[in-house]
Each structure stands twice: as C-alpha cells, then as structure tokens.
All heavy atoms as atom14 arrays in JSON, in Angstrom:
{
  "sequence": "KILNDDALADGYSFNFKLRYNLWYEVPLSKKGIVPGALSFILNDEVH",
  "atom14_mask": [
    [1, 1, 1, 1, 1, 1, 1, 1, 1, 0, 0, 0, 0, 0],
    [1, 1, 1, 1, 1, 1, 1, 1, 0, 0, 0, 0, 0, 0],
    [1, 1, 1, 1, 1, 1, 1, 1, 0, 0, 0, 0, 0, 0],
    [1, 1, 1, 1, 1, 1, 1, 1, 0, 0, 0, 0, 0, 0],
    [1, 1, 1, 1, 1, 1, 1, 1, 0, 0, 0, 0, 0, 0],
    [1, 1, 1, 1, 1, 1, 1, 1, 0, 0, 0, 0, 0, 0],
    [1, 1, 1, 1, 1, 0, 0, 0, 0, 0, 0, 0, 0, 0],
    [1, 1, 1, 1, 1, 1, 1, 1, 0, 0, 0, 0, 0, 0],
    [1, 1, 1, 1, 1, 0, 0, 0, 0, 0, 0, 0, 0, 0],
    [1, 1, 1, 1, 1, 1, 1, 1, 0, 0, 0, 0, 0, 0],
    [1, 1, 1, 1, 0, 0, 0, 0, 0, 0, 0, 0, 0, 0],
    [1, 1, 1, 1, 1, 1, 1, 1, 1, 1, 1, 1, 0, 0],
    [1, 1, 1, 1, 1, 1, 0, 0, 0, 0, 0, 0, 0, 0],
    [1, 1, 1, 1, 1, 1, 1, 1, 1, 1, 1, 0, 0, 0],
    [1, 1, 1, 1, 1, 1, 1, 1, 0, 0, 0, 0, 0, 0],
    [1, 1, 1, 1, 1, 1, 1, 1, 1, 1, 1, 0, 0, 0],
    [1, 1, 1, 1, 1, 1, 1, 1, 1, 0, 0, 0, 0, 0],
    [1, 1, 1, 1, 1, 1, 1, 1, 0, 0, 0, 0, 0, 0],
    [1, 1, 1, 1, 1, 1, 1, 1, 1, 1, 1, 0, 0, 0],
    [1, 1, 1, 1, 1, 1, 1, 1, 1, 1, 1, 1, 0, 0],
    [1, 1, 1, 1, 1, 1, 1, 1, 0, 0, 0, 0, 0, 0],
    [1, 1, 1, 1, 1, 1, 1, 1, 0, 0, 0, 0, 0, 0],
    [1, 1, 1, 1, 1, 1, 1, 1, 1, 1, 1, 1, 1, 1],
    [1, 1, 1, 1, 1, 1, 1, 1, 1, 1, 1, 1, 0, 0],
    [1, 1, 1, 1, 1, 1, 1, 1, 1, 0, 0, 0, 0, 0],
    [1, 1, 1, 1, 1, 1, 1, 0, 0, 0, 0, 0, 0, 0],
    [1, 1, 1, 1, 1, 1, 1, 0, 0, 0, 0, 0, 0, 0],
    [1, 1, 1, 1, 1, 1, 1, 1, 0, 0, 0, 0, 0, 0],
    [1, 1, 1, 1, 1, 1, 0, 0, 0, 0, 0, 0, 0, 0],
    [1, 1, 1, 1, 1, 1, 1, 1, 1, 0, 0, 0, 0, 0],
    [1, 1, 1, 1, 1, 1, 1, 1, 1, 0, 0, 0, 0, 0],
    [1, 1, 1, 1, 0, 0, 0, 0, 0, 0, 0, 0, 0, 0],
    [1, 1, 1, 1, 1, 1, 1, 1, 0, 0, 0, 0, 0, 0],
    [1, 1, 1, 1, 1, 1, 1, 0, 0, 0, 0, 0, 0, 0],
    [1, 1, 1, 1, 1, 1, 1, 0, 0, 0, 0, 0, 0, 0],
    [1, 1, 1, 1, 0, 0, 0, 0, 0, 0, 0, 0, 0, 0],
    [1, 1, 1, 1, 1, 0, 0, 0, 0, 0, 0, 0, 0, 0],
    [1, 1, 1, 1, 1, 1, 1, 1, 0, 0, 0, 0, 0, 0],
    [1, 1, 1, 1, 1, 1, 0, 0, 0, 0, 0, 0, 0, 0],
    [1, 1, 1, 1, 1, 1, 1, 1, 1, 1, 1, 0, 0, 0],
    [1, 1, 1, 1, 1, 1, 1, 1, 0, 0, 0, 0, 0, 0],
    [1, 1, 1, 1, 1, 1, 1, 1, 0, 0, 0, 0, 0, 0],
    [1, 1, 1, 1, 1, 1, 1, 1, 0, 0, 0, 0, 0, 0],
    [1, 1, 1, 1, 1, 1, 1, 1, 0, 0, 0, 0, 0, 0],
    [1, 1, 1, 1, 1, 1, 1, 1, 1, 0, 0, 0, 0, 0],
    [1, 1, 1, 1, 1, 1, 1, 0, 0, 0, 0, 0, 0, 0],
    [1, 1, 1, 1, 1, 1, 1, 1, 1, 1, 0, 0, 0, 0]
  ],
  "atom14_positions": [
    [[0.83, -1.2, 0.0], [0.0, 0.0, 0.0], [0.86, 1.26, 0.0], [1.99, 1.25, 0.51], [-0.94, 0.0, 1.21], [-2.01, -1.09, 1.14], [-2.94, -1.02, 2.35], [-4.03, -2.08, 2.24], [-4.95, -2.05, 3.42], [0.0, 0.0, 0.0], [0.0, 0.0, 0.0], [0.0, 0.0, 0.0], [0.0, 0.0, 0.0], [0.0, 0.0, 0.0]],
    [[0.32, 2.33, -0.56], [1.03, 3.61, -0.68], [0.46, 4.6, 0.33], [-0.76, 4.8, 0.41], [0.89, 4.18, -2.1], [1.49, 3.22, -3.13], [1.54, 5.55, -2.19], [2.98, 3.03, -3.01], [0.0, 0.0, 0.0], [0.0, 0.0, 0.0], [0.0, 0.0, 0.0], [0.0, 0.0, 0.0], [0.0, 0.0, 0.0], [0.0, 0.0, 0.0]],
    [[1.34, 5.23, 1.12], [0.91, 6.25, 2.07], [0.83, 7.62, 1.4], [-0.17, 8.32, 1.49], [1.87, 6.3, 3.26], [1.53, 7.29, 4.38], [0.18, 6.93, 5.01], [2.63, 7.32, 5.44], [0.0, 0.0, 0.0], [0.0, 0.0, 0.0], [0.0, 0.0, 0.0], [0.0, 0.0, 0.0], [0.0, 0.0, 0.0], [0.0, 0.0, 0.0]],
    [[1.9, 8.02, 0.74], [1.94, 9.29, 0.02], [3.06, 9.24, -1.01], [3.6, 8.17, -1.28], [2.12, 10.47, 0.99], [3.32, 10.28, 1.92], [4.41, 9.89, 1.48], [3.11, 10.52, 3.21], [0.0, 0.0, 0.0], [0.0, 0.0, 0.0], [0.0, 0.0, 0.0], [0.0, 0.0, 0.0], [0.0, 0.0, 0.0], [0.0, 0.0, 0.0]],
    [[3.42, 10.39, -1.55], [4.46, 10.43, -2.59], [5.8, 9.9, -2.11], [6.64, 9.47, -2.93], [4.66, 11.87, -3.09], [3.55, 12.31, -4.02], [2.75, 11.43, -4.44], [3.47, 13.51, -4.33], [0.0, 0.0, 0.0], [0.0, 0.0, 0.0], [0.0, 0.0, 0.0], [0.0, 0.0, 0.0], [0.0, 0.0, 0.0], [0.0, 0.0, 0.0]],
    [[6.03, 9.93, -0.81], [7.35, 9.63, -0.28], [7.45, 8.37, 0.57], [8.54, 7.99, 0.98], [7.83, 10.81, 0.58], [7.88, 12.11, -0.21], [8.69, 12.18, -1.15], [7.1, 13.03, 0.1], [0.0, 0.0, 0.0], [0.0, 0.0, 0.0], [0.0, 0.0, 0.0], [0.0, 0.0, 0.0], [0.0, 0.0, 0.0], [0.0, 0.0, 0.0]],
    [[6.32, 7.73, 0.86], [6.37, 6.62, 1.82], [5.37, 5.52, 1.48], [4.28, 5.79, 0.96], [6.09, 7.14, 3.23], [0.0, 0.0, 0.0], [0.0, 0.0, 0.0], [0.0, 0.0, 0.0], [0.0, 0.0, 0.0], [0.0, 0.0, 0.0], [0.0, 0.0, 0.0], [0.0, 0.0, 0.0], [0.0, 0.0, 0.0], [0.0, 0.0, 0.0]],
    [[5.77, 4.29, 1.8], [4.87, 3.15, 1.72], [4.07, 3.02, 3.0], [4.54, 3.4, 4.08], [5.67, 1.87, 1.48], [6.49, 1.78, 0.2], [7.38, 0.55, 0.21], [5.58, 1.77, -1.02], [0.0, 0.0, 0.0], [0.0, 0.0, 0.0], [0.0, 0.0, 0.0], [0.0, 0.0, 0.0], [0.0, 0.0, 0.0], [0.0, 0.0, 0.0]],
    [[2.87, 2.48, 2.93], [2.05, 2.23, 4.1], [2.2, 0.78, 4.53], [2.74, -0.06, 3.79], [0.58, 2.55, 3.8], [0.0, 0.0, 0.0], [0.0, 0.0, 0.0], [0.0, 0.0, 0.0], [0.0, 0.0, 0.0], [0.0, 0.0, 0.0], [0.0, 0.0, 0.0], [0.0, 0.0, 0.0], [0.0, 0.0, 0.0], [0.0, 0.0, 0.0]],
    [[1.72, 0.45, 5.71], [1.73, -0.93, 6.18], [0.67, -1.73, 5.42], [-0.39, -1.22, 5.07], [1.43, -1.0, 7.68], [2.54, -0.37, 8.52], [3.69, -0.39, 8.06], [2.23, 0.11, 9.62], [0.0, 0.0, 0.0], [0.0, 0.0, 0.0], [0.0, 0.0, 0.0], [0.0, 0.0, 0.0], [0.0, 0.0, 0.0], [0.0, 0.0, 0.0]],
    [[0.96, -3.01, 5.19], [-0.03, -3.88, 4.6], [-0.02, -3.9, 3.08], [0.74, -3.17, 2.43], [0.0, 0.0, 0.0], [0.0, 0.0, 0.0], [0.0, 0.0, 0.0], [0.0, 0.0, 0.0], [0.0, 0.0, 0.0], [0.0, 0.0, 0.0], [0.0, 0.0, 0.0], [0.0, 0.0, 0.0], [0.0, 0.0, 0.0], [0.0, 0.0, 0.0]],
    [[-0.89, -4.75, 2.54], [-0.95, -4.98, 1.1], [-2.39, -4.95, 0.61], [-3.3, -5.36, 1.33], [-0.34, -6.35, 0.74], [1.14, -6.46, 1.02], [1.6, -6.78, 2.29], [2.07, -6.25, 0.01], [2.96, -6.89, 2.55], [3.43, -6.36, 0.26], [3.87, -6.67, 1.53], [5.21, -6.77, 1.78], [0.0, 0.0, 0.0], [0.0, 0.0, 0.0]],
    [[-2.59, -4.48, -0.6], [-3.86, -4.68, -1.28], [-3.76, -6.01, -2.03], [-2.66, -6.46, -2.38], [-4.16, -3.54, -2.25], [-3.14, -3.44, -3.23], [0.0, 0.0, 0.0], [0.0, 0.0, 0.0], [0.0, 0.0, 0.0], [0.0, 0.0, 0.0], [0.0, 0.0, 0.0], [0.0, 0.0, 0.0], [0.0, 0.0, 0.0], [0.0, 0.0, 0.0]],
    [[-4.92, -6.66, -2.29], [-4.89, -7.99, -2.88], [-5.99, -8.15, -3.91], [-7.11, -7.67, -3.72], [-5.07, -9.06, -1.79], [-5.22, -10.45, -2.36], [-4.11, -11.17, -2.77], [-6.48, -11.02, -2.52], [-4.25, -12.44, -3.32], [-6.63, -12.29, -3.06], [-5.51, -13.01, -3.46], [0.0, 0.0, 0.0], [0.0, 0.0, 0.0], [0.0, 0.0, 0.0]],
    [[-5.65, -8.82, -5.01], [-6.66, -9.28, -5.95], [-6.1, -10.43, -6.78], [-4.88, -10.66, -6.83], [-7.14, -8.15, -6.86], [-6.11, -7.71, -7.88], [-5.27, -6.86, -7.58], [-6.16, -8.26, -9.07], [0.0, 0.0, 0.0], [0.0, 0.0, 0.0], [0.0, 0.0, 0.0], [0.0, 0.0, 0.0], [0.0, 0.0, 0.0], [0.0, 0.0, 0.0]],
    [[-7.01, -11.15, -7.41], [-6.63, -12.19, -8.36], [-6.57, -11.58, -9.77], [-7.3, -10.64, -10.09], [-7.65, -13.33, -8.37], [-7.72, -14.11, -7.09], [-8.69, -13.83, -6.15], [-6.82, -15.13, -6.83], [-8.79, -14.55, -4.98], [-6.89, -15.86, -5.65], [-7.87, -15.57, -4.72], [0.0, 0.0, 0.0], [0.0, 0.0, 0.0], [0.0, 0.0, 0.0]],
    [[-5.73, -12.17, -10.6], [-5.72, -11.81, -12.02], [-5.68, -13.1, -12.84], [-4.88, -13.99, -12.59], [-4.53, -10.94, -12.39], [-4.49, -10.59, -13.89], [-3.21, -9.9, -14.29], [-3.22, -8.43, -13.92], [-2.07, -7.7, -14.52], [0.0, 0.0, 0.0], [0.0, 0.0, 0.0], [0.0, 0.0, 0.0], [0.0, 0.0, 0.0], [0.0, 0.0, 0.0]],
    [[-6.57, -13.19, -13.83], [-6.6, -14.32, -14.75], [-6.14, -13.83, -16.12], [-6.64, -12.82, -16.62], [-8.02, -14.89, -14.84], [-8.18, -16.14, -15.72], [-7.39, -17.32, -15.14], [-9.66, -16.51, -15.85], [0.0, 0.0, 0.0], [0.0, 0.0, 0.0], [0.0, 0.0, 0.0], [0.0, 0.0, 0.0], [0.0, 0.0, 0.0], [0.0, 0.0, 0.0]],
    [[-5.18, -14.56, -16.71], [-4.61, -14.17, -18.0], [-4.76, -15.31, -19.01], [-4.49, -16.47, -18.7], [-3.12, -13.83, -17.83], [-2.86, -12.72, -16.86], [-1.41, -12.59, -16.45], [-0.49, -12.35, -17.56], [0.77, -11.94, -17.4], [1.26, -11.73, -16.18], [1.54, -11.75, -18.44], [0.0, 0.0, 0.0], [0.0, 0.0, 0.0], [0.0, 0.0, 0.0]],
    [[-5.18, -14.95, -20.23], [-5.2, -15.91, -21.33], [-4.31, -15.38, -22.44], [-4.46, -14.24, -22.9], [-6.61, -16.12, -21.87], [-6.62, -16.92, -23.17], [-6.28, -18.27, -23.17], [-6.91, -16.3, -24.38], [-6.25, -18.99, -24.35], [-6.89, -17.0, -25.56], [-6.56, -18.36, -25.55], [-6.51, -19.06, -26.72], [0.0, 0.0, 0.0], [0.0, 0.0, 0.0]],
    [[-3.36, -16.2, -22.87], [-2.37, -15.8, -23.86], [-2.44, -16.72, -25.08], [-2.44, -17.94, -24.95], [-0.97, -15.86, -23.24], [0.09, -15.32, -24.18], [-0.09, -14.29, -24.82], [1.2, -16.02, -24.27], [0.0, 0.0, 0.0], [0.0, 0.0, 0.0], [0.0, 0.0, 0.0], [0.0, 0.0, 0.0], [0.0, 0.0, 0.0], [0.0, 0.0, 0.0]],
    [[-2.51, -16.11, -26.27], [-2.51, -16.85, -27.53], [-1.35, -16.35, -28.39], [-1.25, -15.15, -28.66], [-3.83, -16.64, -28.27], [-3.93, -17.19, -29.7], [-3.81, -18.71, -29.69], [-5.23, -16.76, -30.37], [0.0, 0.0, 0.0], [0.0, 0.0, 0.0], [0.0, 0.0, 0.0], [0.0, 0.0, 0.0], [0.0, 0.0, 0.0], [0.0, 0.0, 0.0]],
    [[-0.49, -17.28, -28.8], [0.71, -16.97, -29.58], [0.7, -17.83, -30.83], [0.5, -19.05, -30.75], [1.94, -17.25, -28.71], [3.28, -17.03, -29.33], [4.04, -15.9, -29.3], [4.07, -18.0, -30.03], [5.23, -16.1, -29.94], [5.28, -17.39, -30.41], [3.85, -19.34, -30.38], [6.28, -18.07, -31.11], [4.85, -20.02, -31.08], [6.04, -19.37, -31.45]],
    [[0.89, -17.21, -32.0], [0.78, -17.92, -33.27], [1.96, -17.57, -34.17], [2.3, -16.39, -34.34], [-0.54, -17.56, -33.96], [-0.86, -18.42, -35.15], [-1.17, -19.76, -35.0], [-0.86, -17.88, -36.44], [-1.47, -20.56, -36.11], [-1.17, -18.66, -37.54], [-1.48, -20.0, -37.37], [-1.77, -20.78, -38.46], [0.0, 0.0, 0.0], [0.0, 0.0, 0.0]],
    [[2.58, -18.58, -34.77], [3.8, -18.4, -35.56], [3.64, -18.99, -36.95], [3.21, -20.15, -37.1], [4.98, -19.07, -34.85], [6.27, -19.08, -35.66], [7.4, -19.79, -34.95], [7.15, -20.4, -33.89], [8.54, -19.76, -35.45], [0.0, 0.0, 0.0], [0.0, 0.0, 0.0], [0.0, 0.0, 0.0], [0.0, 0.0, 0.0], [0.0, 0.0, 0.0]],
    [[4.03, -18.21, -37.96], [4.03, -18.67, -39.34], [5.44, -18.47, -39.92], [5.9, -17.34, -40.06], [3.02, -17.89, -40.2], [3.04, -18.4, -41.64], [1.62, -18.0, -39.62], [0.0, 0.0, 0.0], [0.0, 0.0, 0.0], [0.0, 0.0, 0.0], [0.0, 0.0, 0.0], [0.0, 0.0, 0.0], [0.0, 0.0, 0.0], [0.0, 0.0, 0.0]],
    [[6.15, -19.56, -40.25], [7.5, -19.42, -40.82], [7.46, -18.7, -42.17], [6.54, -18.89, -42.96], [7.97, -20.88, -40.98], [7.11, -21.66, -40.06], [5.77, -20.96, -40.02], [0.0, 0.0, 0.0], [0.0, 0.0, 0.0], [0.0, 0.0, 0.0], [0.0, 0.0, 0.0], [0.0, 0.0, 0.0], [0.0, 0.0, 0.0], [0.0, 0.0, 0.0]],
    [[8.47, -17.88, -42.41], [8.58, -17.17, -43.67], [9.55, -17.85, -44.63], [9.72, -17.4, -45.76], [9.03, -15.73, -43.43], [8.08, -14.88, -42.56], [8.67, -13.48, -42.35], [6.7, -14.8, -43.19], [0.0, 0.0, 0.0], [0.0, 0.0, 0.0], [0.0, 0.0, 0.0], [0.0, 0.0, 0.0], [0.0, 0.0, 0.0], [0.0, 0.0, 0.0]],
    [[10.16, -18.93, -44.19], [11.1, -19.67, -45.0], [10.52, -21.04, -45.35], [9.82, -21.66, -44.54], [12.43, -19.87, -44.25], [13.26, -20.8, -44.93], [0.0, 0.0, 0.0], [0.0, 0.0, 0.0], [0.0, 0.0, 0.0], [0.0, 0.0, 0.0], [0.0, 0.0, 0.0], [0.0, 0.0, 0.0], [0.0, 0.0, 0.0], [0.0, 0.0, 0.0]],
    [[10.8, -21.52, -46.56], [10.34, -22.85, -46.96], [10.99, -23.95, -46.13], [10.48, -25.07, -46.06], [10.63, -23.06, -48.45], [9.83, -22.16, -49.38], [10.13, -22.45, -50.84], [9.3, -21.57, -51.76], [9.59, -21.85, -53.19], [0.0, 0.0, 0.0], [0.0, 0.0, 0.0], [0.0, 0.0, 0.0], [0.0, 0.0, 0.0], [0.0, 0.0, 0.0]],
    [[12.12, -23.63, -45.51], [12.82, -24.63, -44.68], [12.15, -24.82, -43.33], [12.49, -25.75, -42.6], [14.27, -24.19, -44.48], [15.09, -24.15, -45.76], [16.53, -23.73, -45.48], [17.35, -23.7, -46.75], [18.76, -23.27, -46.47], [0.0, 0.0, 0.0], [0.0, 0.0, 0.0], [0.0, 0.0, 0.0], [0.0, 0.0, 0.0], [0.0, 0.0, 0.0]],
    [[11.21, -23.93, -43.0], [10.52, -24.05, -41.73], [11.25, -23.33, -40.62], [11.98, -22.35, -40.85], [0.0, 0.0, 0.0], [0.0, 0.0, 0.0], [0.0, 0.0, 0.0], [0.0, 0.0, 0.0], [0.0, 0.0, 0.0], [0.0, 0.0, 0.0], [0.0, 0.0, 0.0], [0.0, 0.0, 0.0], [0.0, 0.0, 0.0], [0.0, 0.0, 0.0]],
    [[11.09, -23.82, -39.39], [11.67, -23.18, -38.21], [13.04, -23.8, -37.95], [13.18, -24.79, -37.24], [10.74, -23.33, -37.0], [9.36, -22.73, -37.33], [11.33, -22.62, -35.78], [8.29, -23.02, -36.3], [0.0, 0.0, 0.0], [0.0, 0.0, 0.0], [0.0, 0.0, 0.0], [0.0, 0.0, 0.0], [0.0, 0.0, 0.0], [0.0, 0.0, 0.0]],
    [[14.06, -23.22, -38.58], [15.44, -23.7, -38.47], [16.33, -22.51, -38.13], [15.94, -21.35, -38.33], [15.91, -24.37, -39.78], [15.08, -25.61, -40.08], [15.84, -23.37, -40.94], [0.0, 0.0, 0.0], [0.0, 0.0, 0.0], [0.0, 0.0, 0.0], [0.0, 0.0, 0.0], [0.0, 0.0, 0.0], [0.0, 0.0, 0.0], [0.0, 0.0, 0.0]],
    [[17.54, -22.74, -37.56], [18.44, -21.63, -37.25], [18.66, -20.71, -38.44], [18.92, -21.16, -39.55], [19.72, -22.34, -36.83], [19.25, -23.63, -36.24], [18.08, -24.03, -37.1], [0.0, 0.0, 0.0], [0.0, 0.0, 0.0], [0.0, 0.0, 0.0], [0.0, 0.0, 0.0], [0.0, 0.0, 0.0], [0.0, 0.0, 0.0], [0.0, 0.0, 0.0]],
    [[18.52, -19.41, -38.2], [18.69, -18.41, -39.23], [17.41, -18.01, -39.94], [17.39, -17.02, -40.68], [0.0, 0.0, 0.0], [0.0, 0.0, 0.0], [0.0, 0.0, 0.0], [0.0, 0.0, 0.0], [0.0, 0.0, 0.0], [0.0, 0.0, 0.0], [0.0, 0.0, 0.0], [0.0, 0.0, 0.0], [0.0, 0.0, 0.0], [0.0, 0.0, 0.0]],
    [[16.31, -18.74, -39.71], [15.06, -18.47, -40.4], [14.22, -17.45, -39.64], [14.31, -17.32, -38.42], [14.27, -19.76, -40.58], [0.0, 0.0, 0.0], [0.0, 0.0, 0.0], [0.0, 0.0, 0.0], [0.0, 0.0, 0.0], [0.0, 0.0, 0.0], [0.0, 0.0, 0.0], [0.0, 0.0, 0.0], [0.0, 0.0, 0.0], [0.0, 0.0, 0.0]],
    [[13.36, -16.75, -40.39], [12.44, -15.77, -39.82], [11.02, -16.33, -39.82], [10.64, -17.09, -40.72], [12.47, -14.47, -40.61], [13.65, -13.53, -40.42], [13.57, -12.38, -41.42], [13.69, -12.97, -39.0], [0.0, 0.0, 0.0], [0.0, 0.0, 0.0], [0.0, 0.0, 0.0], [0.0, 0.0, 0.0], [0.0, 0.0, 0.0], [0.0, 0.0, 0.0]],
    [[10.24, -15.92, -38.83], [8.82, -16.26, -38.76], [8.03, -14.99, -38.44], [8.57, -14.05, -37.84], [8.54, -17.29, -37.67], [9.21, -18.51, -37.92], [0.0, 0.0, 0.0], [0.0, 0.0, 0.0], [0.0, 0.0, 0.0], [0.0, 0.0, 0.0], [0.0, 0.0, 0.0], [0.0, 0.0, 0.0], [0.0, 0.0, 0.0], [0.0, 0.0, 0.0]],
    [[6.76, -14.98, -38.85], [5.85, -13.91, -38.48], [5.09, -14.34, -37.23], [4.61, -15.47, -37.14], [4.88, -13.61, -39.62], [3.83, -12.59, -39.27], [4.19, -11.27, -39.06], [2.5, -12.95, -39.14], [3.23, -10.31, -38.74], [1.53, -12.01, -38.83], [1.91, -10.69, -38.62], [0.0, 0.0, 0.0], [0.0, 0.0, 0.0], [0.0, 0.0, 0.0]],
    [[4.98, -13.42, -36.26], [4.37, -13.73, -34.97], [3.15, -12.83, -34.73], [3.2, -11.62, -34.92], [5.38, -13.52, -33.81], [6.58, -14.43, -33.98], [4.71, -13.75, -32.46], [6.28, -15.89, -33.85], [0.0, 0.0, 0.0], [0.0, 0.0, 0.0], [0.0, 0.0, 0.0], [0.0, 0.0, 0.0], [0.0, 0.0, 0.0], [0.0, 0.0, 0.0]],
    [[2.05, -13.46, -34.3], [0.9, -12.75, -33.74], [0.72, -13.22, -32.3], [0.78, -14.43, -32.03], [-0.37, -13.03, -34.53], [-0.61, -12.28, -35.84], [-1.88, -12.77, -36.5], [-0.67, -10.78, -35.6], [0.0, 0.0, 0.0], [0.0, 0.0, 0.0], [0.0, 0.0, 0.0], [0.0, 0.0, 0.0], [0.0, 0.0, 0.0], [0.0, 0.0, 0.0]],
    [[0.49, -12.29, -31.4], [0.36, -12.64, -29.98], [-0.67, -11.7, -29.34], [-0.61, -10.49, -29.52], [1.72, -12.48, -29.32], [1.74, -12.87, -27.85], [2.63, -12.47, -27.12], [0.78, -13.65, -27.39], [0.0, 0.0, 0.0], [0.0, 0.0, 0.0], [0.0, 0.0, 0.0], [0.0, 0.0, 0.0], [0.0, 0.0, 0.0], [0.0, 0.0, 0.0]],
    [[-1.64, -12.28, -28.64], [-2.61, -11.46, -27.92], [-2.83, -12.06, -26.55], [-2.94, -13.29, -26.4], [-3.94, -11.37, -28.67], [-4.78, -10.22, -28.17], [-4.5, -9.08, -28.57], [-5.69, -10.44, -27.36], [0.0, 0.0, 0.0], [0.0, 0.0, 0.0], [0.0, 0.0, 0.0], [0.0, 0.0, 0.0], [0.0, 0.0, 0.0], [0.0, 0.0, 0.0]],
    [[-2.88, -11.2, -25.52], [-3.07, -11.65, -24.15], [-4.08, -10.75, -23.45], [-3.93, -9.53, -23.44], [-1.74, -11.64, -23.39], [-1.85, -12.22, -22.0], [-0.51, -12.28, -21.27], [0.46, -11.65, -21.76], [-0.44, -12.94, -20.22], [0.0, 0.0, 0.0], [0.0, 0.0, 0.0], [0.0, 0.0, 0.0], [0.0, 0.0, 0.0], [0.0, 0.0, 0.0]],
    [[-5.1, -11.37, -22.86], [-6.16, -10.66, -22.15], [-6.0, -10.9, -20.65], [-5.8, -12.03, -20.21], [-7.55, -11.13, -22.6], [-8.65, -10.36, -21.85], [-7.72, -10.95, -24.1], [0.0, 0.0, 0.0], [0.0, 0.0, 0.0], [0.0, 0.0, 0.0], [0.0, 0.0, 0.0], [0.0, 0.0, 0.0], [0.0, 0.0, 0.0], [0.0, 0.0, 0.0]],
    [[-6.12, -9.81, -19.84], [-6.01, -9.88, -18.39], [-7.34, -9.47, -17.76], [-7.91, -8.44, -18.14], [-4.93, -8.92, -17.88], [-3.56, -9.23, -18.34], [-2.44, -8.96, -17.58], [-3.09, -9.78, -19.49], [-1.36, -9.32, -18.23], [-1.73, -9.82, -19.4], [0.0, 0.0, 0.0], [0.0, 0.0, 0.0], [0.0, 0.0, 0.0], [0.0, 0.0, 0.0]]
  ]
}
C-alpha cells in the first residue's frame, strides 16, 4: 500500500488476475523453423 508520494504504508492490497495468452507463428522460409530463419508472430493476451 502507498501512504503518500514519499512513503509506503503498512499492509498490502490484494486481488486475483486471470490471464489468457494466444501466440501464433508462421514461418517465412520454406525450410521451416530452423536456425537463421524468420517467422511472423501474432500474440494477444487478455487480463
């Protein structure tokens, strides 16, 4: 907890957070996912 601009207060505030993350990869090389290759990435995460 925050007391003011210069000091912390005693105790803590508390809450839960639920996160869902989706990550998707498309290789840009015909060789696929190999060292030196590039892929396009889309990623979205909701909290």
